[in-house]
Amino acid sequence: MSHFAEIKDGTVQRVVVAEQDFIDSGKIGDPSSWVQTSYNHNFRKQFAGVGYTYDGSNDVFIEPQPYASWTLDSNYDWQPPVEKPTGLHIWNEETQSWD
């Protein structure tokens, strides 16, 4: 069995476990709107989740932006405007700093 993400307007709507033949049958919608995803991150950057973006040009799933101030790097990971210090910290969007 494999995992497939249903994509609508570039956004993951749902993720199902199915065989490729079942996806191709059209029983759960247009087969062209389904993209295989890997729970162990073997391809397409990371496992798809509801609300993730699918970038078809680069063939990657991108998690939702965690904070408005964070930017997407060339590796398709969100980066804070200030590097995270070592240890346990939580991002404070209001102060743009780690608490």
N, C-alpha and C. Protein backbone atom coordinates (compact mmCIF):
# COMPACT_ATOMS: atom_id res chain seq x y z
N MET A 1 0.84 -1.18 0.00
CA MET A 1 0.00 0.00 0.00
C MET A 1 0.88 1.24 0.00
N SER A 2 0.37 2.28 -0.60
CA SER A 2 1.08 3.55 -0.68
C SER A 2 0.20 4.66 -0.14
N HIS A 3 0.81 5.81 0.08
CA HIS A 3 0.07 7.00 0.53
C HIS A 3 -0.04 7.96 -0.64
N PHE A 4 -1.23 8.54 -0.80
CA PHE A 4 -1.48 9.50 -1.86
C PHE A 4 -2.15 10.74 -1.29
N ALA A 5 -1.76 11.89 -1.81
CA ALA A 5 -2.34 13.17 -1.39
C ALA A 5 -3.20 13.70 -2.52
N GLU A 6 -4.41 14.12 -2.17
CA GLU A 6 -5.28 14.76 -3.16
C GLU A 6 -4.95 16.24 -3.19
N ILE A 7 -4.66 16.76 -4.37
CA ILE A 7 -4.25 18.15 -4.54
C ILE A 7 -5.35 18.92 -5.25
N LYS A 8 -5.72 20.05 -4.67
CA LYS A 8 -6.68 20.96 -5.31
C LYS A 8 -6.11 22.36 -5.19
N ASP A 9 -5.94 23.04 -6.32
CA ASP A 9 -5.36 24.38 -6.35
C ASP A 9 -4.03 24.45 -5.59
N GLY A 10 -3.23 23.39 -5.71
CA GLY A 10 -1.90 23.37 -5.11
C GLY A 10 -1.87 23.02 -3.63
N THR A 11 -3.03 22.73 -3.03
CA THR A 11 -3.10 22.46 -1.60
C THR A 11 -3.59 21.03 -1.35
N VAL A 12 -2.96 20.36 -0.39
CA VAL A 12 -3.36 19.00 -0.03
C VAL A 12 -4.71 19.05 0.68
N GLN A 13 -5.67 18.29 0.14
CA GLN A 13 -7.02 18.22 0.71
C GLN A 13 -7.18 17.05 1.68
N ARG A 14 -6.55 15.92 1.31
CA ARG A 14 -6.61 14.72 2.16
C ARG A 14 -5.50 13.77 1.73
N VAL A 15 -5.18 12.84 2.62
CA VAL A 15 -4.17 11.83 2.35
C VAL A 15 -4.81 10.47 2.63
N VAL A 16 -4.63 9.54 1.69
CA VAL A 16 -5.21 8.21 1.84
C VAL A 16 -4.15 7.14 1.63
N VAL A 17 -4.43 5.96 2.15
CA VAL A 17 -3.60 4.79 1.89
C VAL A 17 -4.34 3.96 0.84
N ALA A 18 -3.68 3.67 -0.27
CA ALA A 18 -4.33 2.96 -1.37
C ALA A 18 -3.29 2.36 -2.31
N GLU A 19 -3.76 1.51 -3.17
CA GLU A 19 -2.94 0.98 -4.26
C GLU A 19 -3.06 1.93 -5.45
N GLN A 20 -2.04 1.98 -6.26
CA GLN A 20 -2.04 2.83 -7.45
C GLN A 20 -3.24 2.51 -8.35
N ASP A 21 -3.59 1.23 -8.48
CA ASP A 21 -4.72 0.83 -9.32
C ASP A 21 -6.02 1.45 -8.84
N PHE A 22 -6.19 1.55 -7.51
CA PHE A 22 -7.41 2.15 -6.96
C PHE A 22 -7.45 3.64 -7.29
N ILE A 23 -6.34 4.33 -7.13
CA ILE A 23 -6.27 5.76 -7.47
C ILE A 23 -6.60 5.93 -8.95
N ASP A 24 -6.01 5.09 -9.78
CA ASP A 24 -6.20 5.18 -11.23
C ASP A 24 -7.64 4.86 -11.66
N SER A 25 -8.39 4.15 -10.81
CA SER A 25 -9.76 3.78 -11.15
C SER A 25 -10.71 4.97 -11.17
N GLY A 26 -10.35 6.05 -10.50
CA GLY A 26 -11.22 7.23 -10.45
C GLY A 26 -12.32 7.13 -9.41
N LYS A 27 -12.32 6.10 -8.59
CA LYS A 27 -13.38 5.91 -7.60
C LYS A 27 -13.38 6.99 -6.52
N ILE A 28 -12.26 7.66 -6.33
CA ILE A 28 -12.23 8.74 -5.32
C ILE A 28 -11.82 10.07 -5.97
N GLY A 29 -12.16 10.22 -7.22
CA GLY A 29 -11.89 11.48 -7.90
C GLY A 29 -10.91 11.32 -9.04
N ASP A 30 -10.67 12.40 -9.71
CA ASP A 30 -9.79 12.45 -10.87
C ASP A 30 -8.39 11.93 -10.49
N PRO A 31 -7.94 10.87 -11.13
CA PRO A 31 -6.62 10.32 -10.79
C PRO A 31 -5.48 11.34 -10.94
N SER A 32 -5.65 12.32 -11.82
CA SER A 32 -4.58 13.30 -12.01
C SER A 32 -4.45 14.27 -10.84
N SER A 33 -5.42 14.27 -9.92
CA SER A 33 -5.35 15.16 -8.77
C SER A 33 -4.69 14.49 -7.56
N TRP A 34 -4.20 13.26 -7.75
CA TRP A 34 -3.56 12.52 -6.66
C TRP A 34 -2.07 12.39 -6.91
N VAL A 35 -1.28 12.64 -5.87
CA VAL A 35 0.18 12.56 -5.95
C VAL A 35 0.66 11.67 -4.81
N GLN A 36 1.53 10.73 -5.14
CA GLN A 36 2.05 9.83 -4.10
C GLN A 36 2.96 10.59 -3.15
N THR A 37 2.88 10.23 -1.87
CA THR A 37 3.73 10.83 -0.84
C THR A 37 4.40 9.71 -0.04
N SER A 38 5.47 10.03 0.63
CA SER A 38 6.25 9.02 1.35
C SER A 38 6.33 9.37 2.83
N TYR A 39 5.81 8.49 3.68
CA TYR A 39 5.84 8.76 5.12
C TYR A 39 7.24 8.73 5.70
N ASN A 40 8.19 8.11 4.99
CA ASN A 40 9.57 8.11 5.48
C ASN A 40 10.45 9.08 4.68
N HIS A 41 9.81 10.02 3.98
CA HIS A 41 10.49 11.13 3.31
C HIS A 41 11.45 10.69 2.21
N ASN A 42 11.17 9.57 1.56
CA ASN A 42 12.05 9.09 0.50
C ASN A 42 11.97 9.92 -0.78
N PHE A 43 10.86 10.61 -0.96
CA PHE A 43 10.71 11.45 -2.14
C PHE A 43 9.72 12.56 -1.85
N ARG A 44 9.76 13.61 -2.67
CA ARG A 44 8.90 14.79 -2.56
C ARG A 44 9.09 15.53 -1.23
N LYS A 45 10.32 15.56 -0.75
CA LYS A 45 10.77 16.32 0.42
C LYS A 45 10.25 15.78 1.74
N GLN A 46 8.92 15.70 1.88
CA GLN A 46 8.35 15.25 3.15
C GLN A 46 6.97 14.67 2.93
N PHE A 47 6.48 14.00 3.96
CA PHE A 47 5.15 13.41 3.90
C PHE A 47 4.10 14.51 3.85
N ALA A 48 3.16 14.37 2.96
CA ALA A 48 2.11 15.38 2.80
C ALA A 48 1.12 15.34 3.96
N GLY A 49 0.60 16.50 4.30
CA GLY A 49 -0.44 16.62 5.30
C GLY A 49 -1.50 17.59 4.80
N VAL A 50 -2.69 17.48 5.35
CA VAL A 50 -3.77 18.40 4.96
C VAL A 50 -3.30 19.83 5.20
N GLY A 51 -3.48 20.67 4.18
CA GLY A 51 -3.07 22.06 4.28
C GLY A 51 -1.67 22.32 3.74
N TYR A 52 -0.91 21.28 3.47
CA TYR A 52 0.41 21.46 2.87
C TYR A 52 0.24 21.91 1.43
N THR A 53 1.28 22.50 0.88
CA THR A 53 1.30 22.92 -0.51
C THR A 53 2.06 21.88 -1.31
N TYR A 54 1.57 21.63 -2.53
CA TYR A 54 2.34 20.79 -3.44
C TYR A 54 2.89 21.69 -4.53
N ASP A 55 4.20 21.76 -4.61
CA ASP A 55 4.90 22.53 -5.64
C ASP A 55 5.23 21.56 -6.77
N GLY A 56 4.38 21.53 -7.80
CA GLY A 56 4.54 20.60 -8.90
C GLY A 56 5.78 20.87 -9.73
N SER A 57 6.19 22.12 -9.83
CA SER A 57 7.39 22.45 -10.62
C SER A 57 8.63 21.83 -10.02
N ASN A 58 8.68 21.78 -8.69
CA ASN A 58 9.84 21.22 -7.99
C ASN A 58 9.56 19.84 -7.39
N ASP A 59 8.31 19.37 -7.55
CA ASP A 59 7.89 18.06 -7.10
C ASP A 59 8.16 17.84 -5.61
N VAL A 60 7.71 18.80 -4.78
CA VAL A 60 7.90 18.72 -3.34
C VAL A 60 6.62 19.13 -2.61
N PHE A 61 6.44 18.56 -1.42
CA PHE A 61 5.39 19.02 -0.51
C PHE A 61 6.02 19.99 0.47
N ILE A 62 5.32 21.07 0.75
CA ILE A 62 5.84 22.11 1.66
C ILE A 62 4.83 22.29 2.79
N GLU A 63 5.33 22.20 4.02
CA GLU A 63 4.44 22.37 5.16
C GLU A 63 3.94 23.82 5.22
N PRO A 64 2.80 24.06 5.88
CA PRO A 64 2.30 25.43 5.99
C PRO A 64 3.30 26.34 6.71
N GLN A 65 3.30 27.58 6.32
CA GLN A 65 4.20 28.56 6.94
C GLN A 65 3.84 28.70 8.42
N PRO A 66 4.80 28.45 9.33
CA PRO A 66 4.47 28.47 10.76
C PRO A 66 4.19 29.87 11.29
N TYR A 67 4.90 30.87 10.77
CA TYR A 67 4.71 32.26 11.21
C TYR A 67 4.89 33.17 10.00
N ALA A 68 4.24 34.31 10.01
CA ALA A 68 4.31 35.24 8.88
C ALA A 68 5.73 35.74 8.62
N SER A 69 6.55 35.79 9.64
CA SER A 69 7.91 36.32 9.49
C SER A 69 8.91 35.30 8.93
N TRP A 70 8.54 34.04 8.90
CA TRP A 70 9.46 33.00 8.44
C TRP A 70 9.47 32.94 6.92
N THR A 71 10.63 32.58 6.36
CA THR A 71 10.77 32.51 4.90
C THR A 71 11.19 31.10 4.48
N LEU A 72 10.82 30.76 3.27
CA LEU A 72 11.14 29.45 2.73
C LEU A 72 12.53 29.48 2.11
N ASP A 73 13.38 28.53 2.53
CA ASP A 73 14.74 28.50 1.98
C ASP A 73 14.79 27.63 0.72
N SER A 74 15.95 27.54 0.13
CA SER A 74 16.11 26.80 -1.13
C SER A 74 15.95 25.29 -0.94
N ASN A 75 15.90 24.84 0.30
CA ASN A 75 15.69 23.43 0.62
C ASN A 75 14.23 23.13 0.95
N TYR A 76 13.36 24.14 0.79
CA TYR A 76 11.92 24.05 1.06
C TYR A 76 11.62 23.85 2.54
N ASP A 77 12.44 24.46 3.39
CA ASP A 77 12.21 24.47 4.83
C ASP A 77 11.96 25.92 5.26
N TRP A 78 11.06 26.11 6.21
CA TRP A 78 10.77 27.45 6.74
C TRP A 78 11.86 27.84 7.73
N GLN A 79 12.37 29.05 7.58
CA GLN A 79 13.44 29.54 8.45
C GLN A 79 12.99 30.81 9.18
N PRO A 80 13.29 30.88 10.48
CA PRO A 80 12.95 32.08 11.25
C PRO A 80 13.89 33.23 10.88
N PRO A 81 13.47 34.45 11.15
CA PRO A 81 14.34 35.59 10.84
C PRO A 81 15.55 35.69 11.78
N VAL A 82 15.48 34.97 12.90
CA VAL A 82 16.58 34.95 13.87
C VAL A 82 16.90 33.48 14.13
N GLU A 83 18.18 33.13 14.03
CA GLU A 83 18.59 31.75 14.24
C GLU A 83 18.19 31.26 15.63
N LYS A 84 17.71 30.02 15.69
CA LYS A 84 17.29 29.45 16.97
C LYS A 84 18.51 29.13 17.82
N PRO A 85 18.51 29.57 19.09
CA PRO A 85 19.62 29.21 19.99
C PRO A 85 19.50 27.74 20.41
N THR A 86 20.56 27.21 20.97
CA THR A 86 20.51 25.83 21.44
C THR A 86 19.59 25.73 22.65
N GLY A 87 19.06 24.55 22.86
CA GLY A 87 18.16 24.33 23.98
C GLY A 87 16.71 24.46 23.57
N LEU A 88 15.83 24.41 24.56
CA LEU A 88 14.40 24.50 24.31
C LEU A 88 13.96 25.96 24.25
N HIS A 89 13.39 26.34 23.12
CA HIS A 89 12.89 27.69 22.94
C HIS A 89 11.63 27.64 22.10
N ILE A 90 10.82 28.66 22.22
CA ILE A 90 9.62 28.79 21.41
C ILE A 90 9.65 30.16 20.73
N TRP A 91 9.21 30.19 19.48
CA TRP A 91 9.24 31.43 18.71
C TRP A 91 8.14 32.37 19.19
N ASN A 92 8.50 33.64 19.39
CA ASN A 92 7.55 34.68 19.76
C ASN A 92 7.41 35.60 18.56
N GLU A 93 6.31 35.46 17.84
CA GLU A 93 6.11 36.23 16.61
C GLU A 93 5.97 37.72 16.91
N GLU A 94 5.40 38.05 18.04
CA GLU A 94 5.19 39.46 18.40
C GLU A 94 6.52 40.20 18.57
N THR A 95 7.46 39.56 19.24
CA THR A 95 8.74 40.21 19.50
C THR A 95 9.83 39.80 18.50
N GLN A 96 9.47 38.87 17.62
CA GLN A 96 10.41 38.36 16.62
C GLN A 96 11.66 37.80 17.29
N SER A 97 11.46 37.02 18.35
CA SER A 97 12.59 36.47 19.08
C SER A 97 12.21 35.11 19.67
N TRP A 98 13.23 34.41 20.15
CA TRP A 98 13.03 33.12 20.79
C TRP A 98 12.90 33.31 22.30
N ASP A 99 11.90 32.73 22.90
CA ASP A 99 11.69 32.76 24.35
C ASP A 99 12.09 31.44 24.96
